PDB file of all heavy atoms in Angstrom:
ATOM      1  N   GLU A   1      92.870 107.890 102.713  1.00  0.00           N
ATOM      2  CA  GLU A   1      94.332 107.818 102.843  1.00  0.00           C
ATOM      3  C   GLU A   1      94.789 106.431 102.454  1.00  0.00           C
ATOM      4  O   GLU A   1      94.362 105.414 103.011  1.00  0.00           O
ATOM      5  CB  GLU A   1      94.701 108.081 104.315  1.00  0.00           C
ATOM      6  CG  GLU A   1      96.186 108.154 104.553  1.00  0.00           C
ATOM      7  CD  GLU A   1      96.766 109.454 103.961  1.00  0.00           C
ATOM      8  OE1 GLU A   1      96.086 110.453 103.881  1.00  0.00           O
ATOM      9  OE2 GLU A   1      97.992 109.423 103.648  1.00  0.00           O
ATOM     10  N   PRO A   2      95.655 106.325 101.419  1.00  0.00           N
ATOM     11  CA  PRO A   2      96.094 105.005 100.986  1.00  0.00           C
ATOM     12  C   PRO A   2      96.932 104.295 102.015  1.00  0.00           C
ATOM     13  O   PRO A   2      97.666 104.943 102.763  1.00  0.00           O
ATOM     14  CB  PRO A   2      96.883 105.279  99.733  1.00  0.00           C
ATOM     15  CG  PRO A   2      97.277 106.722  99.790  1.00  0.00           C
ATOM     16  CD  PRO A   2      96.258 107.395 100.619  1.00  0.00           C
ATOM     17  N   ARG A   3      96.801 103.004 102.084  1.00  0.00           N
ATOM     18  CA  ARG A   3      97.643 102.157 102.939  1.00  0.00           C
ATOM     19  C   ARG A   3      99.062 102.207 102.465  1.00  0.00           C
ATOM     20  O   ARG A   3     100.008 102.225 103.247  1.00  0.00           O
ATOM     21  CB  ARG A   3      97.120 100.755 102.953  1.00  0.00           C
ATOM     22  CG  ARG A   3      98.007  99.748 103.681  1.00  0.00           C
ATOM     23  CD  ARG A   3      97.501  98.304 103.545  1.00  0.00           C
ATOM     24  NE  ARG A   3      96.359  98.113 104.339  1.00  0.00           N
ATOM     25  CZ  ARG A   3      96.349  97.403 105.477  1.00  0.00           C
ATOM     26  NH1 ARG A   3      97.462  96.867 105.885  1.00  0.00           N
ATOM     27  NH2 ARG A   3      95.252  97.247 106.169  1.00  0.00           N
ATOM     28  N   ALA A   4      99.254 102.161 101.158  1.00  0.00           N
ATOM     29  CA  ALA A   4     100.558 102.197 100.517  1.00  0.00           C
ATOM     30  C   ALA A   4     100.399 102.708  99.086  1.00  0.00           C
ATOM     31  O   ALA A   4      99.394 102.618  98.515  1.00  0.00           O
ATOM     32  CB  ALA A   4     101.158 100.784 100.515  1.00  0.00           C
ATOM     33  N   SER A   5     101.553 103.252  98.603  1.00  0.00           N
ATOM     34  CA  SER A   5     101.536 103.692  97.208  1.00  0.00           C
ATOM     35  C   SER A   5     102.833 103.251  96.581  1.00  0.00           C
ATOM     36  O   SER A   5     103.891 103.152  97.191  1.00  0.00           O
ATOM     37  CB  SER A   5     101.325 105.196  97.125  1.00  0.00           C
ATOM     38  OG  SER A   5     102.449 105.867  97.686  1.00  0.00           O
ATOM     39  N   GLY A   6     102.679 103.024  95.275  1.00  0.00           N
ATOM     40  CA  GLY A   6     103.871 102.591  94.495  1.00  0.00           C
ATOM     41  C   GLY A   6     103.909 103.320  93.144  1.00  0.00           C
ATOM     42  O   GLY A   6     103.078 104.175  92.891  1.00  0.00           O
ATOM     43  N   SER A   7     104.853 102.961  92.297  1.00  0.00           N
ATOM     44  CA  SER A   7     104.981 103.633  91.057  1.00  0.00           C
ATOM     45  C   SER A   7     103.860 103.345  90.083  1.00  0.00           C
ATOM     46  O   SER A   7     103.541 104.215  89.256  1.00  0.00           O
ATOM     47  CB  SER A   7     106.305 103.238  90.378  1.00  0.00           C
ATOM     48  OG  SER A   7     106.381 101.862  90.192  1.00  0.00           O
ATOM     49  N   ILE A   8     103.175 102.237  90.161  1.00  0.00           N
ATOM     50  CA  ILE A   8     102.080 101.855  89.295  1.00  0.00           C
ATOM     51  C   ILE A   8     100.730 102.183  89.873  1.00  0.00           C
ATOM     52  O   ILE A   8      99.788 102.522  89.204  1.00  0.00           O
ATOM     53  CB  ILE A   8     102.158 100.339  88.910  1.00  0.00           C
ATOM     54  CG1 ILE A   8     103.520 100.014  88.321  1.00  0.00           C
ATOM     55  CG2 ILE A   8     101.015  99.920  88.038  1.00  0.00           C
ATOM     56  CD1 ILE A   8     103.808 100.735  87.007  1.00  0.00           C
ATOM     57  N   GLY A   9     100.587 102.058  91.194  1.00  0.00           N
ATOM     58  CA  GLY A   9      99.285 102.246  91.797  1.00  0.00           C
ATOM     59  C   GLY A   9      99.421 102.402  93.332  1.00  0.00           C
ATOM     60  O   GLY A   9     100.487 102.566  93.850  1.00  0.00           O
ATOM     61  N   GLN A  10      98.263 102.274  93.949  1.00  0.00           N
ATOM     62  CA  GLN A  10      98.203 102.369  95.456  1.00  0.00           C
ATOM     63  C   GLN A  10      97.069 101.539  95.914  1.00  0.00           C
ATOM     64  O   GLN A  10      96.190 101.112  95.151  1.00  0.00           O
ATOM     65  CB  GLN A  10      98.152 103.797  95.936  1.00  0.00           C
ATOM     66  CG  GLN A  10      96.885 104.570  95.520  1.00  0.00           C
ATOM     67  CD  GLN A  10      97.031 106.095  95.795  1.00  0.00           C
ATOM     68  OE1 GLN A  10      98.089 106.618  95.684  1.00  0.00           O
ATOM     69  NE2 GLN A  10      95.909 106.687  96.112  1.00  0.00           N
ATOM     70  N   VAL A  11      97.052 101.270  97.222  1.00  0.00           N
ATOM     71  CA  VAL A  11      96.011 100.434  97.812  1.00  0.00           C
ATOM     72  C   VAL A  11      95.349 101.212  98.924  1.00  0.00           C
ATOM     73  O   VAL A  11      95.961 101.974  99.663  1.00  0.00           O
ATOM     74  CB  VAL A  11      96.577  99.076  98.359  1.00  0.00           C
ATOM     75  CG1 VAL A  11      97.076  98.181  97.244  1.00  0.00           C
ATOM     76  CG2 VAL A  11      97.676  99.265  99.404  1.00  0.00           C
ATOM     77  N   HIS A  12      94.023 100.955  99.006  1.00  0.00           N
ATOM     78  CA  HIS A  12      93.157 101.587 100.018  1.00  0.00           C
ATOM     79  C   HIS A  12      92.461 100.534 100.804  1.00  0.00           C
ATOM     80  O   HIS A  12      92.013  99.528 100.226  1.00  0.00           O
ATOM     81  CB  HIS A  12      92.134 102.477  99.329  1.00  0.00           C
ATOM     82  CG  HIS A  12      92.705 103.707  98.661  1.00  0.00           C
ATOM     83  ND1 HIS A  12      92.741 104.920  99.262  1.00  0.00           N
ATOM     84  CD2 HIS A  12      93.290 103.871  97.447  1.00  0.00           C
ATOM     85  CE1 HIS A  12      93.319 105.786  98.454  1.00  0.00           C
ATOM     86  NE2 HIS A  12      93.684 105.192  97.365  1.00  0.00           N
ATOM     87  N   ASP A  13      92.295 100.725 102.080  1.00  0.00           N
ATOM     88  CA  ASP A  13      91.463  99.850 102.905  1.00  0.00           C
ATOM     89  C   ASP A  13      90.009 100.229 102.621  1.00  0.00           C
ATOM     90  O   ASP A  13      89.682 101.413 102.432  1.00  0.00           O
ATOM     91  CB  ASP A  13      91.740 100.093 104.390  1.00  0.00           C
ATOM     92  CG  ASP A  13      93.123  99.575 104.781  1.00  0.00           C
ATOM     93  OD1 ASP A  13      93.544  98.520 104.280  1.00  0.00           O
ATOM     94  OD2 ASP A  13      93.773 100.264 105.652  1.00  0.00           O
ATOM     95  N   ALA A  14      89.146  99.205 102.622  1.00  0.00           N
ATOM     96  CA  ALA A  14      87.694  99.451 102.438  1.00  0.00           C
ATOM     97  C   ALA A  14      86.950  98.288 103.046  1.00  0.00           C
ATOM     98  O   ALA A  14      87.521  97.268 103.462  1.00  0.00           O
ATOM     99  CB  ALA A  14      87.397  99.511 100.899  1.00  0.00           C
ATOM    100  N   THR A  15      85.627  98.445 103.162  1.00  0.00           N
ATOM    101  CA  THR A  15      84.745  97.390 103.521  1.00  0.00           C
ATOM    102  C   THR A  15      83.663  97.278 102.439  1.00  0.00           C
ATOM    103  O   THR A  15      83.196  98.314 101.907  1.00  0.00           O
ATOM    104  CB  THR A  15      84.085  97.572 104.889  1.00  0.00           C
ATOM    105  OG1 THR A  15      83.376  98.815 104.899  1.00  0.00           O
ATOM    106  CG2 THR A  15      85.115  97.576 106.013  1.00  0.00           C
ATOM    107  N   LEU A  16      83.283  96.064 102.087  1.00  0.00           N
ATOM    108  CA  LEU A  16      82.199  95.880 101.180  1.00  0.00           C
ATOM    109  C   LEU A  16      80.875  96.191 101.894  1.00  0.00           C
ATOM    110  O   LEU A  16      80.860  96.320 103.102  1.00  0.00           O
ATOM    111  CB  LEU A  16      82.198  94.455 100.683  1.00  0.00           C
ATOM    112  CG  LEU A  16      83.406  94.007  99.844  1.00  0.00           C
ATOM    113  CD1 LEU A  16      83.361  92.542  99.511  1.00  0.00           C
ATOM    114  CD2 LEU A  16      83.506  94.872  98.547  1.00  0.00           C
ATOM    115  N   ARG A  17      79.808  96.299 101.185  1.00  0.00           N
ATOM    116  CA  ARG A  17      78.517  96.656 101.751  1.00  0.00           C
ATOM    117  C   ARG A  17      78.089  95.622 102.827  1.00  0.00           C
ATOM    118  O   ARG A  17      77.370  95.900 103.719  1.00  0.00           O
ATOM    119  CB  ARG A  17      77.449  96.747 100.653  1.00  0.00           C
ATOM    120  CG  ARG A  17      77.679  97.799  99.608  1.00  0.00           C
ATOM    121  CD  ARG A  17      77.579  99.228 100.030  1.00  0.00           C
ATOM    122  NE  ARG A  17      76.280  99.543 100.574  1.00  0.00           N
ATOM    123  CZ  ARG A  17      76.056 100.592 101.358  1.00  0.00           C
ATOM    124  NH1 ARG A  17      77.037 101.423 101.674  1.00  0.00           N
ATOM    125  NH2 ARG A  17      74.852 100.864 101.834  1.00  0.00           N
ATOM    126  N   ASP A  18      78.579  94.355 102.649  1.00  0.00           N
ATOM    127  CA  ASP A  18      78.207  93.295 103.610  1.00  0.00           C
ATOM    128  C   ASP A  18      79.147  93.279 104.828  1.00  0.00           C
ATOM    129  O   ASP A  18      79.016  92.389 105.670  1.00  0.00           O
ATOM    130  CB  ASP A  18      78.188  91.942 102.946  1.00  0.00           C
ATOM    131  CG  ASP A  18      79.506  91.449 102.444  1.00  0.00           C
ATOM    132  OD1 ASP A  18      80.533  92.081 102.721  1.00  0.00           O
ATOM    133  OD2 ASP A  18      79.512  90.392 101.708  1.00  0.00           O
ATOM    134  N   GLY A  19      80.081  94.221 104.911  1.00  0.00           N
ATOM    135  CA  GLY A  19      80.932  94.321 106.078  1.00  0.00           C
ATOM    136  C   GLY A  19      82.308  93.655 105.940  1.00  0.00           C
ATOM    137  O   GLY A  19      83.156  93.818 106.815  1.00  0.00           O
ATOM    138  N   ARG A  20      82.507  92.887 104.875  1.00  0.00           N
ATOM    139  CA  ARG A  20      83.839  92.243 104.701  1.00  0.00           C
ATOM    140  C   ARG A  20      84.934  93.279 104.411  1.00  0.00           C
ATOM    141  O   ARG A  20      84.706  94.161 103.619  1.00  0.00           O
ATOM    142  CB  ARG A  20      83.792  91.209 103.563  1.00  0.00           C
ATOM    143  CG  ARG A  20      82.990  89.961 103.911  1.00  0.00           C
ATOM    144  CD  ARG A  20      82.985  89.012 102.761  1.00  0.00           C
ATOM    145  NE  ARG A  20      82.185  89.574 101.639  1.00  0.00           N
ATOM    146  CZ  ARG A  20      82.062  89.064 100.436  1.00  0.00           C
ATOM    147  NH1 ARG A  20      82.731  87.998 100.091  1.00  0.00           N
ATOM    148  NH2 ARG A  20      81.281  89.622  99.540  1.00  0.00           N
ATOM    149  N   GLU A  21      86.026  93.156 105.161  1.00  0.00           N
ATOM    150  CA  GLU A  21      87.171  94.059 104.940  1.00  0.00           C
ATOM    151  C   GLU A  21      87.923  93.637 103.703  1.00  0.00           C
ATOM    152  O   GLU A  21      88.218  92.459 103.491  1.00  0.00           O
ATOM    153  CB  GLU A  21      88.088  94.036 106.148  1.00  0.00           C
ATOM    154  CG  GLU A  21      87.425  94.598 107.406  1.00  0.00           C
ATOM    155  CD  GLU A  21      88.376  94.511 108.597  1.00  0.00           C
ATOM    156  OE1 GLU A  21      89.477  93.917 108.522  1.00  0.00           O
ATOM    157  OE2 GLU A  21      87.938  95.083 109.670  1.00  0.00           O
ATOM    158  N   VAL A  22      88.291  94.645 102.914  1.00  0.00           N
ATOM    159  CA  VAL A  22      89.013  94.364 101.654  1.00  0.00           C
ATOM    160  C   VAL A  22      90.136  95.432 101.457  1.00  0.00           C
ATOM    161  O   VAL A  22      90.120  96.479 102.114  1.00  0.00           O
ATOM    162  CB  VAL A  22      88.093  94.311 100.414  1.00  0.00           C
ATOM    163  CG1 VAL A  22      87.116  93.195 100.475  1.00  0.00           C
ATOM    164  CG2 VAL A  22      87.373  95.700 100.244  1.00  0.00           C
ATOM    165  N   ILE A  23      90.989  95.106 100.557  1.00  0.00           N
ATOM    166  CA  ILE A  23      92.026  96.066 100.049  1.00  0.00           C
ATOM    167  C   ILE A  23      91.716  96.321  98.606  1.00  0.00           C
ATOM    168  O   ILE A  23      91.473  95.410  97.846  1.00  0.00           O
ATOM    169  CB  ILE A  23      93.412  95.438 100.179  1.00  0.00           C
ATOM    170  CG1 ILE A  23      93.770  95.072 101.599  1.00  0.00           C
ATOM    171  CG2 ILE A  23      94.489  96.379  99.574  1.00  0.00           C
ATOM    172  CD1 ILE A  23      93.992  96.249 102.546  1.00  0.00           C
ATOM    173  N   VAL A  24      91.671  97.588  98.246  1.00  0.00           N
ATOM    174  CA  VAL A  24      91.355  98.002  96.876  1.00  0.00           C
ATOM    175  C   VAL A  24      92.655  98.540  96.302  1.00  0.00           C
ATOM    176  O   VAL A  24      93.209  99.527  96.751  1.00  0.00           O
ATOM    177  CB  VAL A  24      90.275  99.068  96.829  1.00  0.00           C
ATOM    178  CG1 VAL A  24      89.976  99.475  95.367  1.00  0.00           C
ATOM    179  CG2 VAL A  24      89.004  98.575  97.544  1.00  0.00           C
ATOM    180  N   LYS A  25      93.137  97.858  95.207  1.00  0.00           N
ATOM    181  CA  LYS A  25      94.297  98.280  94.496  1.00  0.00           C
ATOM    182  C   LYS A  25      93.903  99.071  93.262  1.00  0.00           C
ATOM    183  O   LYS A  25      93.085  98.595  92.479  1.00  0.00           O
ATOM    184  CB  LYS A  25      95.167  97.079  94.117  1.00  0.00           C
ATOM    185  CG  LYS A  25      96.497  97.452  93.558  1.00  0.00           C
ATOM    186  CD  LYS A  25      97.370  96.205  93.449  1.00  0.00           C
ATOM    187  CE  LYS A  25      98.760  96.618  92.996  1.00  0.00           C
ATOM    188  NZ  LYS A  25      99.650  95.411  92.905  1.00  0.00           N
ATOM    189  N   VAL A  26      94.431 100.269  93.142  1.00  0.00           N
ATOM    190  CA  VAL A  26      94.000 101.216  92.074  1.00  0.00           C
ATOM    191  C   VAL A  26      95.216 101.723  91.301  1.00  0.00           C
ATOM    192  O   VAL A  26      96.209 102.165  91.920  1.00  0.00           O
ATOM    193  CB  VAL A  26      93.289 102.458  92.676  1.00  0.00           C
ATOM    194  CG1 VAL A  26      92.738 103.313  91.557  1.00  0.00           C
ATOM    195  CG2 VAL A  26      92.194 102.014  93.636  1.00  0.00           C
ATOM    196  N   GLN A  27      95.168 101.615  89.974  1.00  0.00           N
ATOM    197  CA  GLN A  27      96.306 102.115  89.171  1.00  0.00           C
ATOM    198  C   GLN A  27      96.300 103.629  89.140  1.00  0.00           C
ATOM    199  O   GLN A  27      95.259 104.259  89.255  1.00  0.00           O
ATOM    200  CB  GLN A  27      96.198 101.579  87.746  1.00  0.00           C
ATOM    201  CG  GLN A  27      96.663 100.179  87.615  1.00  0.00           C
ATOM    202  CD  GLN A  27      96.712  99.727  86.166  1.00  0.00           C
ATOM    203  OE1 GLN A  27      96.318 100.441  85.231  1.00  0.00           O
ATOM    204  NE2 GLN A  27      97.152  98.453  85.959  1.00  0.00           N
ATOM    205  N   ARG A  28      97.508 104.161  88.944  1.00  0.00           N
ATOM    206  CA  ARG A  28      97.664 105.629  88.836  1.00  0.00           C
ATOM    207  C   ARG A  28      96.895 106.046  87.549  1.00  0.00           C
ATOM    208  O   ARG A  28      96.922 105.398  86.541  1.00  0.00           O
ATOM    209  CB  ARG A  28      99.134 105.980  88.674  1.00  0.00           C
ATOM    210  CG  ARG A  28      99.862 105.868  89.955  1.00  0.00           C
ATOM    211  CD  ARG A  28     101.296 106.377  89.867  1.00  0.00           C
ATOM    212  NE  ARG A  28     101.912 106.343  91.141  1.00  0.00           N
ATOM    213  CZ  ARG A  28     101.757 107.237  92.133  1.00  0.00           C
ATOM    214  NH1 ARG A  28     101.056 108.335  91.875  1.00  0.00           N
ATOM    215  NH2 ARG A  28     102.310 107.120  93.288  1.00  0.00           N
ATOM    216  N   PRO A  29      96.212 107.209  87.637  1.00  0.00           N
ATOM    217  CA  PRO A  29      95.540 107.732  86.471  1.00  0.00           C
ATOM    218  C   PRO A  29      96.534 107.977  85.293  1.00  0.00           C
ATOM    219  O   PRO A  29      97.617 108.509  85.480  1.00  0.00           O
ATOM    220  CB  PRO A  29      94.988 109.063  86.958  1.00  0.00           C
ATOM    221  CG  PRO A  29      94.872 108.937  88.432  1.00  0.00           C
ATOM    222  CD  PRO A  29      96.058 108.031  88.779  1.00  0.00           C
ATOM    223  N   GLY A  30      96.149 107.474  84.118  1.00  0.00           N
ATOM    224  CA  GLY A  30      96.958 107.691  82.918  1.00  0.00           C
ATOM    225  C   GLY A  30      98.235 106.904  82.866  1.00  0.00           C
ATOM    226  O   GLY A  30      99.075 107.185  81.985  1.00  0.00           O
ATOM    227  N   ILE A  31      98.394 105.888  83.734  1.00  0.00           N
ATOM    228  CA  ILE A  31      99.670 105.184  83.788  1.00  0.00           C
ATOM    229  C   ILE A  31     100.015 104.429  82.459  1.00  0.00           C
ATOM    230  O   ILE A  31     101.148 104.371  82.067  1.00  0.00           O
ATOM    231  CB  ILE A  31      99.706 104.196  85.014  1.00  0.00           C
ATOM    232  CG1 ILE A  31     101.109 103.622  85.214  1.00  0.00           C
ATOM    233  CG2 ILE A  31      98.702 103.105  84.821  1.00  0.00           C
ATOM    234  CD1 ILE A  31     102.149 104.584  85.646  1.00  0.00           C
ATOM    235  N   GLU A  32      98.964 103.936  81.811  1.00  0.00           N
ATOM    236  CA  GLU A  32      99.233 103.214  80.607  1.00  0.00           C
ATOM    237  C   GLU A  32      99.929 104.051  79.538  1.00  0.00           C
ATOM    238  O   GLU A  32     100.926 103.664  78.911  1.00  0.00           O
ATOM    239  CB  GLU A  32      97.937 102.633  79.957  1.00  0.00           C
ATOM    240  CG  GLU A  32      97.197 101.711  80.906  1.00  0.00           C
ATOM    241  CD  GLU A  32      96.166 102.434  81.776  1.00  0.00           C
ATOM    242  OE1 GLU A  32      96.161 103.682  81.853  1.00  0.00           O
ATOM    243  OE2 GLU A  32      95.312 101.737  82.384  1.00  0.00           O
ATOM    244  N   ALA A  33      99.437 105.275  79.328  1.00  0.00           N
ATOM    245  CA  ALA A  33     100.030 106.147  78.337  1.00  0.00           C
ATOM    246  C   ALA A  33     101.423 106.582  78.775  1.00  0.00           C
ATOM    247  O   ALA A  33     102.363 106.725  77.948  1.00  0.00           O
ATOM    248  CB  ALA A  33      99.153 107.387  78.157  1.00  0.00           C
ATOM    249  N   VAL A  34     101.572 106.852  80.067  1.00  0.00           N
ATOM    250  CA  VAL A  34     102.921 107.257  80.583  1.00  0.00           C
ATOM    251  C   VAL A  34     103.955 106.164  80.320  1.00  0.00           C
ATOM    252  O   VAL A  34     105.055 106.398  79.819  1.00  0.00           O
ATOM    253  CB  VAL A  34     102.834 107.613  82.078  1.00  0.00           C
ATOM    254  CG1 VAL A  34     104.178 107.745  82.714  1.00  0.00           C
ATOM    255  CG2 VAL A  34     101.999 108.850  82.294  1.00  0.00           C
ATOM    256  N   VAL A  35     103.594 104.903  80.675  1.00  0.00           N
ATOM    257  CA  VAL A  35     104.506 103.799  80.458  1.00  0.00           C
ATOM    258  C   VAL A  35     104.831 103.593  79.018  1.00  0.00           C
ATOM    259  O   VAL A  35     105.938 103.352  78.619  1.00  0.00           O
ATOM    260  CB  VAL A  35     103.941 102.489  81.118  1.00  0.00           C
ATOM    261  CG1 VAL A  35     104.749 101.302  80.741  1.00  0.00           C
ATOM    262  CG2 VAL A  35     103.908 102.662  82.678  1.00  0.00           C
ATOM    263  N   ARG A  36     103.814 103.719  78.118  1.00  0.00           N
ATOM    264  CA  ARG A  36     104.052 103.555  76.721  1.00  0.00           C
ATOM    265  C   ARG A  36     105.031 104.581  76.190  1.00  0.00           C
ATOM    266  O   ARG A  36     105.985 104.253  75.489  1.00  0.00           O
ATOM    267  CB  ARG A  36     102.683 103.693  75.988  1.00  0.00           C
ATOM    268  CG  ARG A  36     102.647 103.042  74.640  1.00  0.00           C
ATOM    269  CD  ARG A  36     101.209 102.960  74.015  1.00  0.00           C
ATOM    270  NE  ARG A  36     100.277 103.949  74.447  1.00  0.00           N
ATOM    271  CZ  ARG A  36      99.256 103.677  75.325  1.00  0.00           C
ATOM    272  NH1 ARG A  36      99.077 102.512  75.816  1.00  0.00           N
ATOM    273  NH2 ARG A  36      98.409 104.650  75.660  1.00  0.00           N
ATOM    274  N   GLY A  37     104.895 105.858  76.617  1.00  0.00           N
ATOM    275  CA  GLY A  37     105.785 106.856  76.138  1.00  0.00           C
ATOM    276  C   GLY A  37     107.194 106.705  76.715  1.00  0.00           C
ATOM    277  O   GLY A  37     108.187 106.870  76.014  1.00  0.00           O
ATOM    278  N   ASP A  38     107.246 106.282  77.981  1.00  0.00           N
ATOM    279  CA  ASP A  38     108.536 106.026  78.646  1.00  0.00           C
ATOM    280  C   ASP A  38     109.262 104.868  77.954  1.00  0.00           C
ATOM    281  O   ASP A  38     110.511 104.915  77.759  1.00  0.00           O
ATOM    282  CB  ASP A  38     108.398 105.732  80.124  1.00  0.00           C
ATOM    283  CG  ASP A  38     107.962 106.966  80.897  1.00  0.00           C
ATOM    284  OD1 ASP A  38     108.037 108.101  80.392  1.00  0.00           O
ATOM    285  OD2 ASP A  38     107.561 106.800  82.067  1.00  0.00           O
ATOM    286  N   MET A  39     108.499 103.876  77.567  1.00  0.00           N
ATOM    287  CA  MET A  39     109.155 102.701  76.954  1.00  0.00           C
ATOM    288  C   MET A  39     109.698 103.038  75.585  1.00  0.00           C
ATOM    289  O   MET A  39     110.715 102.577  75.119  1.00  0.00           O
ATOM    290  CB  MET A  39     108.168 101.515  76.800  1.00  0.00           C
ATOM    291  CG  MET A  39     107.910 100.811  78.109  1.00  0.00           C
ATOM    292  SD  MET A  39     109.427 100.070  78.738  1.00  0.00           S
ATOM    293  CE  MET A  39     108.897  99.552  80.324  1.00  0.00           C
ATOM    294  N   ASP A  40     109.005 103.965  74.879  1.00  0.00           N
ATOM    295  CA  ASP A  40     109.504 104.472  73.587  1.00  0.00           C
ATOM    296  C   ASP A  40     110.821 105.142  73.767  1.00  0.00           C
ATOM    297  O   ASP A  40     111.791 104.941  73.039  1.00  0.00           O
ATOM    298  CB  ASP A  40     108.468 105.390  72.936  1.00  0.00           C
ATOM    299  CG  ASP A  40     107.264 104.667  72.382  1.00  0.00           C
ATOM    300  OD1 ASP A  40     107.286 103.387  72.255  1.00  0.00           O
ATOM    301  OD2 ASP A  40     106.249 105.353  72.093  1.00  0.00           O
ATOM    302  N   LEU A  41     110.889 106.007  74.778  1.00  0.00           N
ATOM    303  CA  LEU A  41     112.122 106.725  75.070  1.00  0.00           C
ATOM    304  C   LEU A  41     113.247 105.756  75.479  1.00  0.00           C
ATOM    305  O   LEU A  41     114.382 105.854  74.976  1.00  0.00           O
ATOM    306  CB  LEU A  41     111.898 107.743  76.179  1.00  0.00           C
ATOM    307  CG  LEU A  41     113.141 108.492  76.694  1.00  0.00           C
ATOM    308  CD1 LEU A  41     113.855 109.249  75.605  1.00  0.00           C
ATOM    309  CD2 LEU A  41     112.774 109.409  77.879  1.00  0.00           C
ATOM    310  N   LEU A  42     112.927 104.791  76.326  1.00  0.00           N
ATOM    311  CA  LEU A  42     113.946 103.858  76.749  1.00  0.00           C
ATOM    312  C   LEU A  42     114.394 102.982  75.571  1.00  0.00           C
ATOM    313  O   LEU A  42     115.565 102.564  75.489  1.00  0.00           O
ATOM    314  CB  LEU A  42     113.432 102.973  77.928  1.00  0.00           C
ATOM    315  CG  LEU A  42     113.296 103.687  79.269  1.00  0.00           C
ATOM    316  CD1 LEU A  42     112.509 102.825  80.240  1.00  0.00           C
ATOM    317  CD2 LEU A  42     114.649 104.083  79.795  1.00  0.00           C
ATOM    318  N   GLY A  43     113.494 102.669  74.673  1.00  0.00           N
ATOM    319  CA  GLY A  43     113.823 101.925  73.506  1.00  0.00           C
ATOM    320  C   GLY A  43     114.848 102.681  72.624  1.00  0.00           C
ATOM    321  O   GLY A  43     115.822 102.109  72.139  1.00  0.00           O
ATOM    322  N   TRP A  44     114.577 103.958  72.475  1.00  0.00           N
ATOM    323  CA  TRP A  44     115.518 104.809  71.698  1.00  0.00           C
ATOM    324  C   TRP A  44     116.896 104.851  72.387  1.00  0.00           C
ATOM    325  O   TRP A  44     117.914 104.690  71.727  1.00  0.00           O
ATOM    326  CB  TRP A  44     114.949 106.210  71.642  1.00  0.00           C
ATOM    327  CG  TRP A  44     115.753 107.192  70.853  1.00  0.00           C
ATOM    328  CD1 TRP A  44     115.760 107.382  69.526  1.00  0.00           C
ATOM    329  CD2 TRP A  44     116.711 108.121  71.391  1.00  0.00           C
ATOM    330  NE1 TRP A  44     116.630 108.353  69.126  1.00  0.00           N
ATOM    331  CE2 TRP A  44     117.260 108.850  70.294  1.00  0.00           C
ATOM    332  CE3 TRP A  44     117.172 108.406  72.642  1.00  0.00           C
ATOM    333  CZ2 TRP A  44     118.252 109.798  70.454  1.00  0.00           C
ATOM    334  CZ3 TRP A  44     118.174 109.389  72.790  1.00  0.00           C
ATOM    335  CH2 TRP A  44     118.676 110.064  71.699  1.00  0.00           C
ATOM    336  N   LEU A  45     116.907 104.943  73.708  1.00  0.00           N
ATOM    337  CA  LEU A  45     118.200 104.946  74.455  1.00  0.00           C
ATOM    338  C   LEU A  45     118.903 103.602  74.377  1.00  0.00           C
ATOM    339  O   LEU A  45     120.126 103.551  74.173  1.00  0.00           O
ATOM    340  CB  LEU A  45     117.976 105.293  75.905  1.00  0.00           C
ATOM    341  CG  LEU A  45     117.540 106.720  76.224  1.00  0.00           C
ATOM    342  CD1 LEU A  45     117.092 106.877  77.668  1.00  0.00           C
ATOM    343  CD2 LEU A  45     118.625 107.704  75.865  1.00  0.00           C
ATOM    344  N   ALA A  46     118.147 102.512  74.436  1.00  0.00           N
ATOM    345  CA  ALA A  46     118.732 101.154  74.302  1.00  0.00           C
ATOM    346  C   ALA A  46     119.375 100.994  72.915  1.00  0.00           C
ATOM    347  O   ALA A  46     120.430 100.415  72.800  1.00  0.00           O
ATOM    348  CB  ALA A  46     117.662 100.137  74.561  1.00  0.00           C
ATOM    349  N   GLU A  47     118.683 101.435  71.867  1.00  0.00           N
ATOM    350  CA  GLU A  47     119.265 101.410  70.553  1.00  0.00           C
ATOM    351  C   GLU A  47     120.592 102.088  70.479  1.00  0.00           C
ATOM    352  O   GLU A  47     121.552 101.594  69.925  1.00  0.00           O
ATOM    353  CB  GLU A  47     118.268 102.040  69.523  1.00  0.00           C
ATOM    354  CG  GLU A  47     117.082 101.199  69.200  1.00  0.00           C
ATOM    355  CD  GLU A  47     117.378 100.079  68.253  1.00  0.00           C
ATOM    356  OE1 GLU A  47     118.367 100.131  67.488  1.00  0.00           O
ATOM    357  OE2 GLU A  47     116.594  99.101  68.336  1.00  0.00           O
ATOM    358  N   ARG A  48     120.652 103.280  71.020  1.00  0.00           N
ATOM    359  CA  ARG A  48     121.912 104.061  71.029  1.00  0.00           C
ATOM    360  C   ARG A  48     122.991 103.369  71.853  1.00  0.00           C
ATOM    361  O   ARG A  48     124.132 103.338  71.479  1.00  0.00           O
ATOM    362  CB  ARG A  48     121.691 105.489  71.586  1.00  0.00           C
ATOM    363  CG  ARG A  48     120.661 106.355  70.885  1.00  0.00           C
ATOM    364  CD  ARG A  48     120.943 106.440  69.394  1.00  0.00           C
ATOM    365  NE  ARG A  48     119.972 107.078  68.579  1.00  0.00           N
ATOM    366  CZ  ARG A  48     118.859 106.501  68.083  1.00  0.00           C
ATOM    367  NH1 ARG A  48     118.534 105.254  68.365  1.00  0.00           N
ATOM    368  NH2 ARG A  48     118.100 107.140  67.289  1.00  0.00           N
TER     369      ARG A  48
END
């Protein structure tokens, strides 16, 4: 269960093998392609 989620990714609580508590930040799957396509669309709209 993620601690928090956002538009780009989310964070999970975890512990390393040595017992140290950490937060793992993970990007949404496929986010790079989504953002690239969205920016193309927004570029077209900005031009107009």
